[in-house]
Protein backbone atom coordinates (compact mmCIF):
# COMPACT_ATOMS: atom_id res chain seq x y z
CA MET A 1 -18.55 -78.73 48.32
CA LYS A 2 -15.41 -76.79 47.41
CA PRO A 3 -16.22 -73.97 44.98
CA SER A 4 -14.93 -74.32 41.46
CA VAL A 5 -12.25 -71.77 40.57
CA ASP A 6 -13.32 -71.89 36.93
CA LEU A 7 -16.98 -71.28 37.82
CA ARG A 8 -16.08 -68.39 40.10
CA THR A 9 -13.96 -66.84 37.33
CA PHE A 10 -16.83 -67.24 34.86
CA LEU A 11 -19.38 -65.73 37.23
CA ASP A 12 -17.06 -62.87 38.14
CA LYS A 13 -16.81 -62.10 34.44
CA LYS A 14 -20.59 -62.08 34.13
CA VAL A 15 -20.93 -59.84 37.19
CA ALA A 16 -18.57 -57.34 35.54
CA GLU A 17 -20.59 -57.58 32.32
CA TYR A 18 -23.91 -56.68 33.94
CA ASN A 19 -22.90 -54.61 36.97
CA ARG A 20 -22.28 -51.44 35.00
CA PRO A 21 -24.21 -48.25 34.18
CA SER A 22 -25.46 -49.62 30.84
CA PHE A 23 -27.53 -52.14 32.83
CA VAL A 24 -29.66 -49.42 34.43
CA PRO A 25 -31.80 -47.96 31.59
CA GLY A 26 -33.62 -51.18 30.69
CA ASP A 27 -34.06 -52.39 34.26
CA PRO A 28 -36.69 -51.39 36.86
CA ILE A 29 -33.88 -49.99 39.02
CA SER A 30 -33.84 -47.12 36.52
CA VAL A 31 -36.89 -45.63 38.28
CA PRO A 32 -35.29 -44.93 41.68
CA HIS A 33 -32.16 -43.82 39.80
CA GLN A 34 -34.11 -40.75 38.71
CA TYR A 35 -33.94 -39.41 42.28
CA THR A 36 -31.21 -37.98 44.49
CA LEU A 37 -33.00 -37.62 47.85
CA GLN A 38 -32.46 -40.79 49.87
CA GLN A 39 -36.09 -41.10 50.94
CA ASP A 40 -37.29 -40.72 47.34
CA ILE A 41 -34.89 -43.48 46.30
CA GLU A 42 -36.10 -45.73 49.13
CA ILE A 43 -39.80 -45.24 48.40
CA ALA A 44 -39.48 -45.49 44.62
CA GLY A 45 -37.18 -48.49 44.97
CA PHE A 46 -39.54 -50.28 47.34
CA PHE A 47 -42.54 -49.86 45.05
CA VAL A 48 -40.51 -50.94 42.03
CA ALA A 49 -39.26 -54.03 43.86
CA ILE A 50 -42.79 -54.99 44.94
CA PHE A 51 -44.01 -54.54 41.36
CA SER A 52 -41.15 -56.65 39.97
CA TRP A 53 -42.75 -59.73 38.59
CA GLY A 54 -43.49 -60.21 34.92
CA ASN A 55 -42.34 -58.11 31.98
CA ARG A 56 -39.66 -55.57 32.84
CA THR A 57 -41.05 -52.99 30.41
CA THR A 58 -44.44 -53.16 32.11
CA ILE A 59 -42.85 -52.94 35.57
CA ILE A 60 -41.02 -49.75 34.56
CA ARG A 61 -44.14 -48.26 32.93
CA LYS A 62 -46.37 -48.90 35.94
CA SER A 63 -43.72 -47.64 38.35
CA GLU A 64 -43.35 -44.47 36.31
CA GLU A 65 -47.13 -44.08 36.34
CA LEU A 66 -47.17 -44.25 40.13
CA MET A 67 -44.31 -41.78 40.47
CA GLN A 68 -46.24 -39.38 38.25
CA LEU A 69 -49.35 -39.77 40.40
CA MET A 70 -47.19 -38.84 43.39
CA ASP A 71 -46.02 -35.69 41.58
CA ARG A 72 -42.54 -37.21 41.08
CA ALA A 73 -41.77 -36.38 44.70
CA PRO A 74 -42.79 -39.55 46.56
CA TYR A 75 -41.34 -38.58 49.94
CA GLN A 76 -43.12 -35.22 49.98
CA PHE A 77 -46.31 -36.86 48.77
CA ILE A 78 -46.11 -39.49 51.50
CA LEU A 79 -45.68 -36.93 54.26
CA HIS A 80 -47.95 -34.15 53.09
CA HIS A 81 -50.73 -35.64 50.93
CA THR A 82 -54.35 -34.76 51.60
CA ASP A 83 -57.39 -36.99 51.24
CA ASN A 84 -58.07 -35.24 47.96
CA ASP A 85 -54.57 -36.10 46.72
CA LEU A 86 -55.29 -39.77 47.37
CA LYS A 87 -58.32 -39.76 45.10
CA LYS A 88 -56.16 -39.69 41.99
CA LEU A 89 -54.57 -42.97 43.08
CA LEU A 90 -57.83 -44.89 43.13
CA GLY A 91 -57.55 -46.06 39.53
CA PHE A 92 -54.02 -47.45 39.89
CA ARG A 93 -53.47 -51.15 39.34
CA HIS A 94 -50.53 -53.38 38.51
CA ARG A 95 -51.45 -57.01 38.10
CA THR A 96 -52.93 -58.03 41.48
CA PHE A 97 -51.75 -54.84 43.22
CA ASN A 98 -54.63 -52.37 43.36
CA ALA A 99 -55.66 -49.10 44.99
CA THR A 100 -56.54 -50.77 48.30
CA ASP A 101 -52.99 -52.07 48.53
CA LEU A 102 -51.50 -48.77 47.41
CA LEU A 103 -53.37 -46.73 50.01
CA TYR A 104 -52.17 -49.05 52.77
CA PHE A 105 -48.57 -48.85 51.54
CA ILE A 106 -48.79 -45.06 51.62
CA ALA A 107 -50.27 -45.14 55.13
CA PHE A 108 -47.42 -47.35 56.30
CA PHE A 109 -44.79 -45.08 54.75
CA ARG A 110 -46.37 -42.02 56.33
CA HIS A 111 -46.35 -43.75 59.70
CA HIS A 112 -42.74 -44.91 59.34
CA TYR A 113 -41.26 -41.66 58.04
CA SER A 114 -43.03 -39.76 60.80
CA HIS A 115 -40.75 -41.62 63.23
CA TYR A 116 -37.60 -42.40 61.24
CA ASP A 117 -35.51 -40.69 58.58
CA SER A 118 -34.76 -43.85 56.63
CA LEU A 119 -36.54 -47.05 55.66
CA GLU A 120 -33.42 -48.88 56.81
CA ASP A 121 -34.75 -48.60 60.36
CA ALA A 122 -37.70 -50.77 59.39
CA PHE A 123 -35.26 -53.64 58.88
CA LEU A 124 -33.41 -52.98 62.14
CA ARG A 125 -36.29 -53.07 64.60
CA PRO A 126 -35.28 -56.34 66.32
CA TRP A 127 -31.92 -54.74 67.17
CA GLU A 128 -31.58 -51.92 69.66
CA GLU A 129 -28.20 -50.75 68.45
CA ARG A 130 -28.39 -47.76 66.13
CA GLY A 131 -24.67 -47.33 65.55
CA PRO A 132 -22.62 -47.76 62.37
CA ALA A 133 -23.75 -51.40 62.11
CA ALA A 134 -26.52 -53.50 63.60
CA GLU A 135 -24.57 -56.07 65.57
CA GLY A 136 -25.70 -59.57 64.76
CA TRP A 137 -28.08 -58.51 61.97
CA GLN A 138 -29.63 -61.59 60.45
CA ALA A 139 -31.76 -61.52 57.32
CA GLU A 140 -34.36 -64.11 58.29
CA ARG A 141 -35.15 -62.42 61.57
CA ALA A 142 -35.12 -58.96 59.99
CA LEU A 143 -37.46 -59.86 57.13
CA SER A 144 -39.90 -61.62 59.44
CA ALA A 145 -39.92 -58.62 61.80
CA PHE A 146 -40.36 -56.24 58.86
CA TYR A 147 -43.45 -58.17 57.73
CA HIS A 148 -45.08 -57.81 61.15
CA TYR A 149 -44.07 -54.15 61.41
CA PHE A 150 -45.40 -53.37 57.95
CA PHE A 151 -48.80 -54.79 58.86
CA SER A 152 -48.94 -53.32 62.36
CA LEU A 153 -51.28 -50.44 61.47
CA ASP A 154 -54.95 -50.60 62.35
CA GLU A 155 -57.35 -52.02 59.78
CA THR A 156 -54.81 -53.79 57.58
CA PRO A 157 -56.56 -55.03 54.42
CA PRO A 158 -56.21 -58.84 54.43
CA ARG A 159 -55.67 -58.85 50.66
CA THR A 160 -52.58 -56.62 50.98
CA ARG A 161 -50.62 -59.15 53.04
CA LYS A 162 -49.80 -61.21 49.96
CA HIS A 163 -47.67 -58.39 48.56
CA ILE A 164 -45.03 -58.56 51.33
CA ALA A 165 -43.18 -61.86 51.58
CA SER A 166 -41.83 -63.37 54.78
CA PRO A 167 -39.45 -66.22 55.60
CA GLU A 168 -42.07 -67.37 58.09
CA LYS A 169 -44.14 -68.43 55.08
CA ASN A 170 -41.06 -70.06 53.51
CA SER A 171 -41.14 -67.57 50.64
CA SER A 172 -37.85 -66.92 48.86
CA CYS A 173 -38.59 -63.20 49.50
CA LYS A 174 -37.05 -62.42 46.12
CA ARG A 175 -38.41 -58.89 45.82
CA ILE A 176 -37.51 -57.79 49.35
CA ASN A 177 -34.03 -59.32 49.01
CA MET A 178 -33.60 -57.50 45.71
CA PHE A 179 -34.62 -54.21 47.35
CA LEU A 180 -32.10 -54.83 50.14
CA ARG A 181 -29.41 -55.52 47.55
CA TRP A 182 -30.16 -52.18 45.91
CA MET A 183 -30.02 -50.28 49.21
CA VAL A 184 -27.08 -52.07 50.87
CA ARG A 185 -24.56 -53.16 48.21
CA ARG A 186 -22.01 -50.50 47.46
CA ASP A 187 -19.37 -50.28 44.78
CA SER A 188 -18.33 -47.72 42.20
CA ASN A 189 -20.24 -49.27 39.29
CA GLY A 190 -23.36 -47.11 39.50
CA VAL A 191 -26.12 -49.75 39.69
CA ASP A 192 -26.81 -50.52 43.35
CA PHE A 193 -27.17 -47.48 45.61
CA GLY A 194 -25.32 -48.49 48.78
CA LEU A 195 -27.26 -45.95 50.84
CA TRP A 196 -27.60 -48.07 53.97
CA ARG A 197 -24.52 -48.53 56.14
CA ARG A 198 -25.85 -50.34 59.21
CA ILE A 199 -26.47 -53.61 57.36
CA GLY A 200 -23.45 -55.40 55.92
CA PRO A 201 -23.60 -56.71 52.33
CA GLU A 202 -22.15 -59.99 53.55
CA LYS A 203 -25.42 -60.57 55.47
CA LEU A 204 -27.71 -60.28 52.45
CA ILE A 205 -29.58 -63.17 50.85
CA CYS A 206 -29.44 -63.66 47.08
CA PRO A 207 -32.73 -62.78 45.33
CA LEU A 208 -34.11 -66.08 44.06
CA ASP A 209 -36.75 -66.58 41.40
CA LEU A 210 -37.35 -69.28 38.80
CA HIS A 211 -34.79 -67.80 36.36
CA VAL A 212 -32.00 -67.56 38.93
CA SER A 213 -32.94 -70.97 40.33
CA ARG A 214 -32.69 -72.58 36.89
CA VAL A 215 -29.22 -71.17 36.26
CA ALA A 216 -28.01 -71.98 39.77
CA LYS A 217 -29.09 -75.60 39.38
CA ARG A 218 -27.27 -75.92 36.07
CA PHE A 219 -24.10 -74.80 37.83
CA GLU A 220 -24.81 -77.14 40.76
CA LEU A 221 -25.01 -74.16 43.11
CA LEU A 222 -28.48 -75.22 44.19
CA THR A 223 -29.94 -78.65 44.84
CA ARG A 224 -33.22 -77.84 46.57
CA VAL A 225 -36.20 -78.21 44.22
CA PRO A 226 -38.73 -75.64 45.57
CA THR A 227 -37.90 -71.99 44.98
CA ASP A 228 -38.33 -71.04 48.63
CA TRP A 229 -36.51 -69.51 51.58
CA LEU A 230 -34.43 -72.60 52.24
CA ALA A 231 -33.32 -72.60 48.60
CA ALA A 232 -32.35 -68.92 48.85
CA LEU A 233 -30.26 -69.74 51.93
CA GLU A 234 -28.61 -72.70 50.19
CA LEU A 235 -27.69 -70.64 47.13
CA THR A 236 -26.36 -67.77 49.25
CA GLU A 237 -24.21 -70.16 51.26
CA ARG A 238 -22.61 -71.39 48.04
CA LEU A 239 -22.06 -67.83 46.81
CA LEU A 240 -20.41 -66.89 50.11
CA ALA A 241 -17.68 -69.39 49.20
CA PHE A 242 -16.95 -67.30 46.09
CA ASP A 243 -17.01 -63.93 47.88
CA PRO A 244 -17.55 -63.89 51.67
CA ALA A 245 -17.82 -60.09 51.71
CA ASP A 246 -20.32 -59.65 48.88
CA PRO A 247 -22.16 -62.85 47.90
CA VAL A 248 -25.19 -61.20 46.31
CA LYS A 249 -23.12 -59.50 43.63
CA TYR A 250 -23.54 -62.82 41.81
CA ASP A 251 -27.22 -61.96 41.39
CA PHE A 252 -26.04 -59.90 38.42
CA ALA A 253 -24.48 -62.97 36.82
CA LEU A 254 -27.30 -65.41 37.55
CA PHE A 255 -30.02 -62.93 36.57
CA GLY A 256 -28.20 -61.89 33.41
CA LEU A 257 -27.66 -65.47 32.33
CA GLY A 258 -31.23 -66.49 33.11
CA VAL A 259 -33.20 -63.49 31.85
CA MET A 260 -30.96 -61.74 29.33
CA GLU A 261 -29.17 -64.74 27.83
CA LYS A 262 -31.91 -67.37 28.40
CA PHE A 263 -29.16 -69.69 29.65
């Protein structure tokens, strides 16, 4: 279906309304924005994204609590913590995410950052090229490979697997796609970080949850009923018609309309 010029103009206006520095303080992305070291931003951002379901105030509060437990230096904590340091994490919980899950996440990060400088490499493992861009990078393959890499350590707690989504399970992968948007999208507006340069923003998949799905269906940008991976692909394909270079910028518009404006 040919995209509506009027709808694109309206959504562009909404993107401009929400993609600005004033959006940051009340959003969970405010937590990684407290850091300047890339690895701190990656680690804080990943935890915040994984925690991002439910009330935004609670997400921010629990993310701040975890950052405090890691001495507000998550990268240094990941690399240099002792067994005694881990004891203070044992009481942490956010909804169904508990200390068992947290300790495994920390073990994975320690393993990864012992071999790579950036978490971006965890999403590039199926590709051998390590140049300015990963030739042929494809989100579905990358997210599926990331899931298997994340749970490649010995003695993975079975309960922890539910916290990392995968296209192989037909999940919309909303939280991982949101994290990728934060790390990959780059503009001068001060919300997304744009730290990763080997993955192109045109390859990203729009984060899809019930709020975004509801708005997208009202605009006839989405026809699929389940909020799953195929729906995320369908929505992204429609958004690519509006902006082939940066389709997920429209997440600002759809999220803002669905969550902020209760559209």
